[in-house]
Amino acid sequence: MSEELVEEFITVESIFVRGRNCLALRSKFSPLFTDYYLHLMQYGLRNEELYDSLLKELMAYFTLYMVARPWAEQHAWTVNLRTPAVANLFVTGSSLTESVVGRVFTQDIKEPEENTLYSTLLRKGFEPQYSVVPIPGTSPARWVEEFYRQSEQRNARCIELPDECYTMVTAQPDADEEWLASLTREKMAHLEEDENTRVLETRRFRFYCGCTLDRILPTLKTLQENKEDLFQGEEELEVTCPRCAAIYRVTKENLED
């Protein structure tokens, strides 16, 4: 996002539910979604309503997932969709950078046999960890719940509340699984009234990529030794950031050492 735009942070609460041995994550995502739309407007981009809705919901639950994880991690998910439409949804972020970003890919997508979530975990000093999970249905909430069941090997519930507030509750050791399975929007809306809870921590996030032309140029310089082949007779080359879809225009002079 341009440095001229001021991103607004959201605050995610991590809440322990005593007696249920569950962790509840919660935040109102309106400010983050606003910055997401400002980012699209800045580059003249627009996602179709279907993709837009799926990406926003996925970003929300992905952010809650990061808060359920240790601080010093960077995560990335790619959801390769067959239904409701062939596309890739990509989200990435980290509590260390207090950022989350995502985009939609609709061109040249290989149609999978079933919807599949690919996850990557990066931690300094450790080998990357990868996970591939088949995910049912067309709802990001159900995808994340299935990801928890298969990859995290525990249960989780994802529930959207009014006013773009998203919640996720994850099972901890000796969790009350029956209570977790019984959660509804009504119960989540009155969680702190009906249950013994304690806020463990808060983390903040913004929609932010950090890409710049200077960061993209080194990659371009390795693609083609002959600039004429790279530009194919054009004066400028249009380059898109793979993380946020920001558009940069590169000239031959930009590639001069």
C-alpha atoms as a PDB file:
ATOM      1  CA  MET A   1       0.000   0.000   0.000  1.00  0.00           C
ATOM      2  CA  SER A   2       1.194   3.485  -0.742  1.00  0.00           C
ATOM      3  CA  GLU A   3       2.909   5.289   2.095  1.00  0.00           C
ATOM      4  CA  GLU A   4       0.459   8.160   1.480  1.00  0.00           C
ATOM      5  CA  LEU A   5      -2.338   6.006   2.871  1.00  0.00           C
ATOM      6  CA  VAL A   6      -2.530   5.504   6.613  1.00  0.00           C
ATOM      7  CA  GLU A   7      -3.510   1.966   7.506  1.00  0.00           C
ATOM      8  CA  GLU A   8      -5.729   1.421  10.514  1.00  0.00           C
ATOM      9  CA  PHE A   9      -4.951  -1.409  12.904  1.00  0.00           C
ATOM     10  CA  ILE A  10      -7.496  -3.830  14.283  1.00  0.00           C
ATOM     11  CA  THR A  11      -7.118  -5.470  17.700  1.00  0.00           C
ATOM     12  CA  VAL A  12      -7.581  -9.210  18.106  1.00  0.00           C
ATOM     13  CA  GLU A  13      -8.399 -10.496  21.583  1.00  0.00           C
ATOM     14  CA  SER A  14      -7.263 -13.912  22.769  1.00  0.00           C
ATOM     15  CA  ILE A  15      -9.704 -15.061  25.472  1.00  0.00           C
ATOM     16  CA  PHE A  16      -9.398 -18.194  27.597  1.00  0.00           C
ATOM     17  CA  VAL A  17     -12.728 -19.775  28.518  1.00  0.00           C
ATOM     18  CA  ARG A  18     -12.245 -21.277  31.964  1.00  0.00           C
ATOM     19  CA  GLY A  19     -14.057 -24.518  32.690  1.00  0.00           C
ATOM     20  CA  ARG A  20     -14.318 -25.212  28.966  1.00  0.00           C
ATOM     21  CA  ASN A  21     -10.550 -25.266  28.263  1.00  0.00           C
ATOM     22  CA  CYS A  22     -11.072 -23.430  25.004  1.00  0.00           C
ATOM     23  CA  LEU A  23      -9.420 -20.382  23.456  1.00  0.00           C
ATOM     24  CA  ALA A  24     -11.660 -17.768  21.841  1.00  0.00           C
ATOM     25  CA  LEU A  25     -10.304 -15.281  19.300  1.00  0.00           C
ATOM     26  CA  ARG A  26     -12.314 -12.204  18.348  1.00  0.00           C
ATOM     27  CA  SER A  27     -12.029  -8.953  16.397  1.00  0.00           C
ATOM     28  CA  LYS A  28     -14.036  -6.436  14.410  1.00  0.00           C
ATOM     29  CA  PHE A  29     -12.533  -6.405  10.907  1.00  0.00           C
ATOM     30  CA  SER A  30     -14.179  -3.323   9.392  1.00  0.00           C
ATOM     31  CA  PRO A  31     -11.018  -1.146   9.512  1.00  0.00           C
ATOM     32  CA  LEU A  32      -8.911  -3.867   7.889  1.00  0.00           C
ATOM     33  CA  PHE A  33     -11.506  -4.408   5.160  1.00  0.00           C
ATOM     34  CA  THR A  34     -11.623  -0.656   4.527  1.00  0.00           C
ATOM     35  CA  ASP A  35      -7.866  -0.619   3.913  1.00  0.00           C
ATOM     36  CA  TYR A  36      -8.231  -3.647   1.652  1.00  0.00           C
ATOM     37  CA  TYR A  37     -10.723  -1.714  -0.503  1.00  0.00           C
ATOM     38  CA  LEU A  38      -8.556   1.421  -0.470  1.00  0.00           C
ATOM     39  CA  HIS A  39      -5.671  -0.722  -1.701  1.00  0.00           C
ATOM     40  CA  LEU A  40      -7.750  -2.057  -4.595  1.00  0.00           C
ATOM     41  CA  MET A  41      -8.938   1.445  -5.477  1.00  0.00           C
ATOM     42  CA  GLN A  42      -5.383   2.779  -5.477  1.00  0.00           C
ATOM     43  CA  TYR A  43      -4.419   0.377  -8.276  1.00  0.00           C
ATOM     44  CA  GLY A  44      -7.722   0.435 -10.127  1.00  0.00           C
ATOM     45  CA  LEU A  45      -8.538  -3.139  -9.130  1.00  0.00           C
ATOM     46  CA  ARG A  46     -11.872  -4.748  -8.399  1.00  0.00           C
ATOM     47  CA  ASN A  47     -12.693  -8.315  -7.419  1.00  0.00           C
ATOM     48  CA  GLU A  48     -15.962  -9.932  -8.389  1.00  0.00           C
ATOM     49  CA  GLU A  49     -18.398 -10.063  -5.481  1.00  0.00           C
ATOM     50  CA  LEU A  50     -18.069 -13.836  -5.043  1.00  0.00           C
ATOM     51  CA  TYR A  51     -14.272 -13.767  -4.808  1.00  0.00           C
ATOM     52  CA  ASP A  52     -14.328 -10.596  -2.728  1.00  0.00           C
ATOM     53  CA  SER A  53     -16.587 -12.125  -0.097  1.00  0.00           C
ATOM     54  CA  LEU A  54     -14.572 -15.349   0.109  1.00  0.00           C
ATOM     55  CA  LEU A  55     -11.245 -13.519   0.406  1.00  0.00           C
ATOM     56  CA  LYS A  56     -12.448 -11.187   3.159  1.00  0.00           C
ATOM     57  CA  GLU A  57     -13.830 -14.047   5.231  1.00  0.00           C
ATOM     58  CA  LEU A  58     -10.677 -16.098   4.694  1.00  0.00           C
ATOM     59  CA  MET A  59      -8.463 -13.159   5.725  1.00  0.00           C
ATOM     60  CA  ALA A  60     -10.500 -12.725   8.899  1.00  0.00           C
ATOM     61  CA  TYR A  61     -10.221 -16.330  10.053  1.00  0.00           C
ATOM     62  CA  PHE A  62      -6.597 -16.521   8.936  1.00  0.00           C
ATOM     63  CA  THR A  63      -5.817 -13.514  11.159  1.00  0.00           C
ATOM     64  CA  LEU A  64      -7.558 -15.126  14.123  1.00  0.00           C
ATOM     65  CA  TYR A  65      -5.575 -18.295  13.420  1.00  0.00           C
ATOM     66  CA  MET A  66      -2.294 -16.351  13.614  1.00  0.00           C
ATOM     67  CA  VAL A  67      -3.254 -15.072  17.069  1.00  0.00           C
ATOM     68  CA  ALA A  68      -3.936 -18.632  18.199  1.00  0.00           C
ATOM     69  CA  ARG A  69      -0.356 -19.445  17.187  1.00  0.00           C
ATOM     70  CA  PRO A  70       2.988 -18.336  18.745  1.00  0.00           C
ATOM     71  CA  TRP A  71       4.183 -14.807  17.916  1.00  0.00           C
ATOM     72  CA  ALA A  72       7.377 -15.554  16.023  1.00  0.00           C
ATOM     73  CA  GLU A  73       5.806 -17.209  12.990  1.00  0.00           C
ATOM     74  CA  GLN A  74       4.935 -16.263   9.437  1.00  0.00           C
ATOM     75  CA  HIS A  75       2.041 -18.070   7.785  1.00  0.00           C
ATOM     76  CA  ALA A  76       0.670 -18.324   4.272  1.00  0.00           C
ATOM     77  CA  TRP A  77      -2.390 -20.117   2.932  1.00  0.00           C
ATOM     78  CA  THR A  78      -3.352 -20.770  -0.665  1.00  0.00           C
ATOM     79  CA  VAL A  79      -6.848 -22.111  -1.246  1.00  0.00           C
ATOM     80  CA  ASN A  80      -7.111 -23.795  -4.644  1.00  0.00           C
ATOM     81  CA  LEU A  81     -10.827 -23.773  -5.453  1.00  0.00           C
ATOM     82  CA  ARG A  82     -12.918 -25.958  -7.690  1.00  0.00           C
ATOM     83  CA  THR A  83     -16.215 -24.688  -6.269  1.00  0.00           C
ATOM     84  CA  PRO A  84     -17.967 -22.272  -6.123  1.00  0.00           C
ATOM     85  CA  ALA A  85     -15.591 -21.112  -8.895  1.00  0.00           C
ATOM     86  CA  VAL A  86     -12.110 -22.038 -10.104  1.00  0.00           C
ATOM     87  CA  ALA A  87      -9.684 -19.612  -8.445  1.00  0.00           C
ATOM     88  CA  ASN A  88      -6.836 -19.327  -5.966  1.00  0.00           C
ATOM     89  CA  LEU A  89      -7.258 -17.331  -2.770  1.00  0.00           C
ATOM     90  CA  PHE A  90      -3.955 -16.319  -1.170  1.00  0.00           C
ATOM     91  CA  VAL A  91      -3.420 -14.874   2.316  1.00  0.00           C
ATOM     92  CA  THR A  92      -0.233 -14.337   4.301  1.00  0.00           C
ATOM     93  CA  GLY A  93       0.857 -12.485   7.402  1.00  0.00           C
ATOM     94  CA  SER A  94       2.690 -12.446  10.694  1.00  0.00           C
ATOM     95  CA  SER A  95       2.188 -11.209  14.230  1.00  0.00           C
ATOM     96  CA  LEU A  96       5.783  -9.960  14.135  1.00  0.00           C
ATOM     97  CA  THR A  97       5.009  -7.512  11.311  1.00  0.00           C
ATOM     98  CA  GLU A  98       1.442  -6.925  12.566  1.00  0.00           C
ATOM     99  CA  SER A  99       0.234  -7.379   9.016  1.00  0.00           C
ATOM    100  CA  VAL A 100      -2.020  -9.510   6.866  1.00  0.00           C
ATOM    101  CA  VAL A 101      -2.511  -9.308   3.120  1.00  0.00           C
ATOM    102  CA  GLY A 102      -4.345 -11.285   0.486  1.00  0.00           C
ATOM    103  CA  ARG A 103      -5.390 -11.422  -3.135  1.00  0.00           C
ATOM    104  CA  VAL A 104      -7.383 -13.430  -5.655  1.00  0.00           C
ATOM    105  CA  PHE A 105      -5.961 -15.256  -8.680  1.00  0.00           C
ATOM    106  CA  THR A 106      -8.438 -16.077 -11.457  1.00  0.00           C
ATOM    107  CA  GLN A 107      -6.217 -16.421 -14.529  1.00  0.00           C
ATOM    108  CA  ASP A 108      -4.409 -19.614 -15.597  1.00  0.00           C
ATOM    109  CA  ILE A 109      -5.607 -21.568 -12.556  1.00  0.00           C
ATOM    110  CA  LYS A 110      -5.332 -25.348 -12.621  1.00  0.00           C
ATOM    111  CA  GLU A 111      -8.705 -26.810 -11.672  1.00  0.00           C
ATOM    112  CA  PRO A 112      -8.258 -29.216  -8.746  1.00  0.00           C
ATOM    113  CA  GLU A 113     -10.217 -32.419  -8.190  1.00  0.00           C
ATOM    114  CA  GLU A 114     -11.469 -30.901  -4.927  1.00  0.00           C
ATOM    115  CA  ASN A 115     -11.034 -27.701  -2.951  1.00  0.00           C
ATOM    116  CA  THR A 116      -7.615 -27.817  -1.283  1.00  0.00           C
ATOM    117  CA  LEU A 117      -5.842 -25.631   1.290  1.00  0.00           C
ATOM    118  CA  TYR A 118      -2.044 -25.382   1.119  1.00  0.00           C
ATOM    119  CA  SER A 119      -0.394 -23.928   4.224  1.00  0.00           C
ATOM    120  CA  THR A 120       3.184 -22.792   4.860  1.00  0.00           C
ATOM    121  CA  LEU A 121       4.728 -22.025   8.251  1.00  0.00           C
ATOM    122  CA  LEU A 122       8.045 -20.175   8.524  1.00  0.00           C
ATOM    123  CA  ARG A 123      10.005 -19.775  11.763  1.00  0.00           C
ATOM    124  CA  LYS A 124      13.514 -18.403  12.117  1.00  0.00           C
ATOM    125  CA  GLY A 125      15.982 -21.220  12.694  1.00  0.00           C
ATOM    126  CA  PHE A 126      13.565 -23.969  11.616  1.00  0.00           C
ATOM    127  CA  GLU A 127      12.794 -25.709   8.354  1.00  0.00           C
ATOM    128  CA  PRO A 128       9.572 -24.567   6.642  1.00  0.00           C
ATOM    129  CA  GLN A 129       6.522 -26.666   7.434  1.00  0.00           C
ATOM    130  CA  TYR A 130       3.928 -27.469   4.779  1.00  0.00           C
ATOM    131  CA  SER A 131       0.459 -28.919   4.970  1.00  0.00           C
ATOM    132  CA  VAL A 132      -2.067 -29.916   2.296  1.00  0.00           C
ATOM    133  CA  VAL A 133      -5.684 -30.331   3.388  1.00  0.00           C
ATOM    134  CA  PRO A 134      -8.747 -31.175   1.276  1.00  0.00           C
ATOM    135  CA  ILE A 135     -11.520 -28.805   2.363  1.00  0.00           C
ATOM    136  CA  PRO A 136     -15.271 -29.333   1.933  1.00  0.00           C
ATOM    137  CA  GLY A 137     -17.971 -26.973   0.790  1.00  0.00           C
ATOM    138  CA  THR A 138     -17.823 -23.305  -0.200  1.00  0.00           C
ATOM    139  CA  SER A 139     -17.532 -21.573   3.183  1.00  0.00           C
ATOM    140  CA  PRO A 140     -14.181 -20.270   4.529  1.00  0.00           C
ATOM    141  CA  ALA A 141     -15.462 -20.945   8.045  1.00  0.00           C
ATOM    142  CA  ARG A 142     -15.867 -24.640   7.223  1.00  0.00           C
ATOM    143  CA  TRP A 143     -12.494 -24.705   5.435  1.00  0.00           C
ATOM    144  CA  VAL A 144     -10.701 -23.414   8.521  1.00  0.00           C
ATOM    145  CA  GLU A 145     -12.538 -25.822  10.805  1.00  0.00           C
ATOM    146  CA  GLU A 146     -11.484 -28.711   8.557  1.00  0.00           C
ATOM    147  CA  PHE A 147      -7.912 -27.390   8.462  1.00  0.00           C
ATOM    148  CA  TYR A 148      -7.860 -27.429  12.270  1.00  0.00           C
ATOM    149  CA  ARG A 149      -9.245 -30.958  12.386  1.00  0.00           C
ATOM    150  CA  GLN A 150      -6.731 -32.391   9.917  1.00  0.00           C
ATOM    151  CA  SER A 151      -3.606 -30.238  10.296  1.00  0.00           C
ATOM    152  CA  GLU A 152      -3.825 -29.014  13.904  1.00  0.00           C
ATOM    153  CA  GLN A 153      -5.534 -32.267  15.008  1.00  0.00           C
ATOM    154  CA  ARG A 154      -8.067 -30.540  17.208  1.00  0.00           C
ATOM    155  CA  ASN A 155     -11.465 -28.998  16.785  1.00  0.00           C
ATOM    156  CA  ALA A 156     -12.354 -25.373  16.170  1.00  0.00           C
ATOM    157  CA  ARG A 157     -15.497 -23.379  15.483  1.00  0.00           C
ATOM    158  CA  CYS A 158     -15.631 -20.282  13.259  1.00  0.00           C
ATOM    159  CA  ILE A 159     -18.619 -18.010  13.775  1.00  0.00           C
ATOM    160  CA  GLU A 160     -19.337 -14.638  12.179  1.00  0.00           C
ATOM    161  CA  LEU A 161     -21.188 -12.061  14.284  1.00  0.00           C
ATOM    162  CA  PRO A 162     -22.884  -8.846  13.088  1.00  0.00           C
ATOM    163  CA  ASP A 163     -20.946  -5.740  12.013  1.00  0.00           C
ATOM    164  CA  GLU A 164     -18.021  -7.651  10.477  1.00  0.00           C
ATOM    165  CA  CYS A 165     -17.002  -9.180  13.797  1.00  0.00           C
ATOM    166  CA  TYR A 166     -15.436 -12.624  13.389  1.00  0.00           C
ATOM    167  CA  THR A 167     -14.808 -15.167  16.123  1.00  0.00           C
ATOM    168  CA  MET A 168     -13.007 -18.495  16.366  1.00  0.00           C
ATOM    169  CA  VAL A 169     -12.926 -20.913  19.295  1.00  0.00           C
ATOM    170  CA  THR A 170     -10.271 -23.640  19.430  1.00  0.00           C
ATOM    171  CA  ALA A 171     -10.056 -26.692  21.649  1.00  0.00           C
ATOM    172  CA  GLN A 172      -7.225 -26.848  24.157  1.00  0.00           C
ATOM    173  CA  PRO A 173      -6.136 -29.972  26.117  1.00  0.00           C
ATOM    174  CA  ASP A 174      -9.111 -31.477  28.018  1.00  0.00           C
ATOM    175  CA  ALA A 175     -11.529 -29.159  26.203  1.00  0.00           C
ATOM    176  CA  ASP A 176     -15.280 -29.450  26.665  1.00  0.00           C
ATOM    177  CA  GLU A 177     -15.893 -30.771  23.168  1.00  0.00           C
ATOM    178  CA  GLU A 178     -19.653 -30.971  23.648  1.00  0.00           C
ATOM    179  CA  TRP A 179     -19.820 -27.289  24.577  1.00  0.00           C
ATOM    180  CA  LEU A 180     -17.566 -26.370  21.641  1.00  0.00           C
ATOM    181  CA  ALA A 181     -19.794 -28.251  19.198  1.00  0.00           C
ATOM    182  CA  SER A 182     -22.897 -26.560  20.624  1.00  0.00           C
ATOM    183  CA  LEU A 183     -21.694 -22.990  20.015  1.00  0.00           C
ATOM    184  CA  THR A 184     -24.059 -20.700  18.112  1.00  0.00           C
ATOM    185  CA  ARG A 185     -24.015 -17.032  17.160  1.00  0.00           C
ATOM    186  CA  GLU A 186     -26.185 -16.291  20.186  1.00  0.00           C
ATOM    187  CA  LYS A 187     -23.803 -18.061  22.568  1.00  0.00           C
ATOM    188  CA  MET A 188     -20.760 -16.335  21.042  1.00  0.00           C
ATOM    189  CA  ALA A 189     -22.420 -12.922  21.286  1.00  0.00           C
ATOM    190  CA  HIS A 190     -22.889 -13.447  25.053  1.00  0.00           C
ATOM    191  CA  LEU A 191     -19.738 -15.445  25.746  1.00  0.00           C
ATOM    192  CA  GLU A 192     -18.399 -13.243  28.526  1.00  0.00           C
ATOM    193  CA  GLU A 193     -21.812 -12.967  30.172  1.00  0.00           C
ATOM    194  CA  ASP A 194     -22.398 -16.715  30.298  1.00  0.00           C
ATOM    195  CA  GLU A 195     -18.870 -18.074  30.767  1.00  0.00           C
ATOM    196  CA  ASN A 196     -15.886 -17.495  33.051  1.00  0.00           C
ATOM    197  CA  THR A 197     -13.374 -15.834  30.718  1.00  0.00           C
ATOM    198  CA  ARG A 198     -10.029 -14.063  30.878  1.00  0.00           C
ATOM    199  CA  VAL A 199      -8.276 -12.024  28.180  1.00  0.00           C
ATOM    200  CA  LEU A 200      -4.818 -13.553  27.764  1.00  0.00           C
ATOM    201  CA  GLU A 201      -3.391 -11.106  25.221  1.00  0.00           C
ATOM    202  CA  THR A 202      -4.184  -8.777  22.361  1.00  0.00           C
ATOM    203  CA  ARG A 203      -2.426  -8.423  19.023  1.00  0.00           C
ATOM    204  CA  ARG A 204      -2.980  -5.852  16.332  1.00  0.00           C
ATOM    205  CA  PHE A 205      -2.986  -6.164  12.542  1.00  0.00           C
ATOM    206  CA  ARG A 206      -3.376  -4.052   9.436  1.00  0.00           C
ATOM    207  CA  PHE A 207      -3.831  -4.826   5.749  1.00  0.00           C
ATOM    208  CA  TYR A 208      -0.280  -4.234   4.575  1.00  0.00           C
ATOM    209  CA  CYS A 209       2.118  -5.849   2.099  1.00  0.00           C
ATOM    210  CA  GLY A 210       5.282  -3.722   2.135  1.00  0.00           C
ATOM    211  CA  CYS A 211       6.080  -4.289  -1.517  1.00  0.00           C
ATOM    212  CA  THR A 212       7.937  -1.551  -3.404  1.00  0.00           C
ATOM    213  CA  LEU A 213       9.395  -1.183  -6.876  1.00  0.00           C
ATOM    214  CA  ASP A 214      12.906  -1.403  -5.406  1.00  0.00           C
ATOM    215  CA  ARG A 215      12.076  -4.791  -3.870  1.00  0.00           C
ATOM    216  CA  ILE A 216      10.630  -6.120  -7.122  1.00  0.00           C
ATOM    217  CA  LEU A 217      13.433  -4.986  -9.444  1.00  0.00           C
ATOM    218  CA  PRO A 218      16.085  -7.537  -8.307  1.00  0.00           C
ATOM    219  CA  THR A 219      13.735 -10.371  -9.273  1.00  0.00           C
ATOM    220  CA  LEU A 220      13.145  -8.858 -12.703  1.00  0.00           C
ATOM    221  CA  LYS A 221      16.866  -8.517 -13.329  1.00  0.00           C
ATOM    222  CA  THR A 222      17.270 -12.270 -12.972  1.00  0.00           C
ATOM    223  CA  LEU A 223      14.507 -13.162 -15.441  1.00  0.00           C
ATOM    224  CA  GLN A 224      16.042 -12.000 -18.706  1.00  0.00           C
ATOM    225  CA  GLU A 225      19.574 -11.020 -19.567  1.00  0.00           C
ATOM    226  CA  ASN A 226      18.271  -9.285 -22.685  1.00  0.00           C
ATOM    227  CA  LYS A 227      16.024  -6.380 -21.751  1.00  0.00           C
ATOM    228  CA  GLU A 228      14.588  -6.292 -25.280  1.00  0.00           C
ATOM    229  CA  ASP A 229      13.212  -9.797 -24.806  1.00  0.00           C
ATOM    230  CA  LEU A 230      11.771  -8.795 -21.459  1.00  0.00           C
ATOM    231  CA  PHE A 231      10.010  -5.679 -22.772  1.00  0.00           C
ATOM    232  CA  GLN A 232       9.064  -7.159 -26.178  1.00  0.00           C
ATOM    233  CA  GLY A 233       9.190  -3.779 -27.880  1.00  0.00           C
ATOM    234  CA  GLU A 234       7.166  -1.930 -25.235  1.00  0.00           C
ATOM    235  CA  GLU A 235       8.409   1.159 -23.418  1.00  0.00           C
ATOM    236  CA  GLU A 236       7.164  -0.077 -20.044  1.00  0.00           C
ATOM    237  CA  LEU A 237       6.651  -3.423 -18.366  1.00  0.00           C
ATOM    238  CA  GLU A 238       3.700  -3.922 -16.021  1.00  0.00           C
ATOM    239  CA  VAL A 239       4.528  -6.033 -12.981  1.00  0.00           C
ATOM    240  CA  THR A 240       2.042  -7.257 -10.381  1.00  0.00           C
ATOM    241  CA  CYS A 241       2.940  -8.039  -6.765  1.00  0.00           C
ATOM    242  CA  PRO A 242       2.166 -11.723  -6.114  1.00  0.00           C
ATOM    243  CA  ARG A 243       1.078 -10.969  -2.519  1.00  0.00           C
ATOM    244  CA  CYS A 244      -1.260  -7.996  -2.861  1.00  0.00           C
ATOM    245  CA  ALA A 245      -1.761  -7.464  -6.640  1.00  0.00           C
ATOM    246  CA  ALA A 246      -0.232  -3.962  -6.535  1.00  0.00           C
ATOM    247  CA  ILE A 247       0.749  -2.820 -10.039  1.00  0.00           C
ATOM    248  CA  TYR A 248       4.171  -1.380 -10.849  1.00  0.00           C
ATOM    249  CA  ARG A 249       5.371  -0.022 -14.186  1.00  0.00           C
ATOM    250  CA  VAL A 250       9.009  -0.699 -14.962  1.00  0.00           C
ATOM    251  CA  THR A 251      11.138   1.044 -17.581  1.00  0.00           C
ATOM    252  CA  LYS A 252      14.417  -0.126 -19.086  1.00  0.00           C
ATOM    253  CA  GLU A 253      16.165   2.595 -17.116  1.00  0.00           C
ATOM    254  CA  ASN A 254      14.850   1.011 -13.900  1.00  0.00           C
ATOM    255  CA  LEU A 255      16.809  -2.138 -14.703  1.00  0.00           C
ATOM    256  CA  GLU A 256      20.089  -0.367 -15.268  1.00  0.00           C
ATOM    257  CA  ASP A 257      22.732  -1.348 -12.712  1.00  0.00           C
END
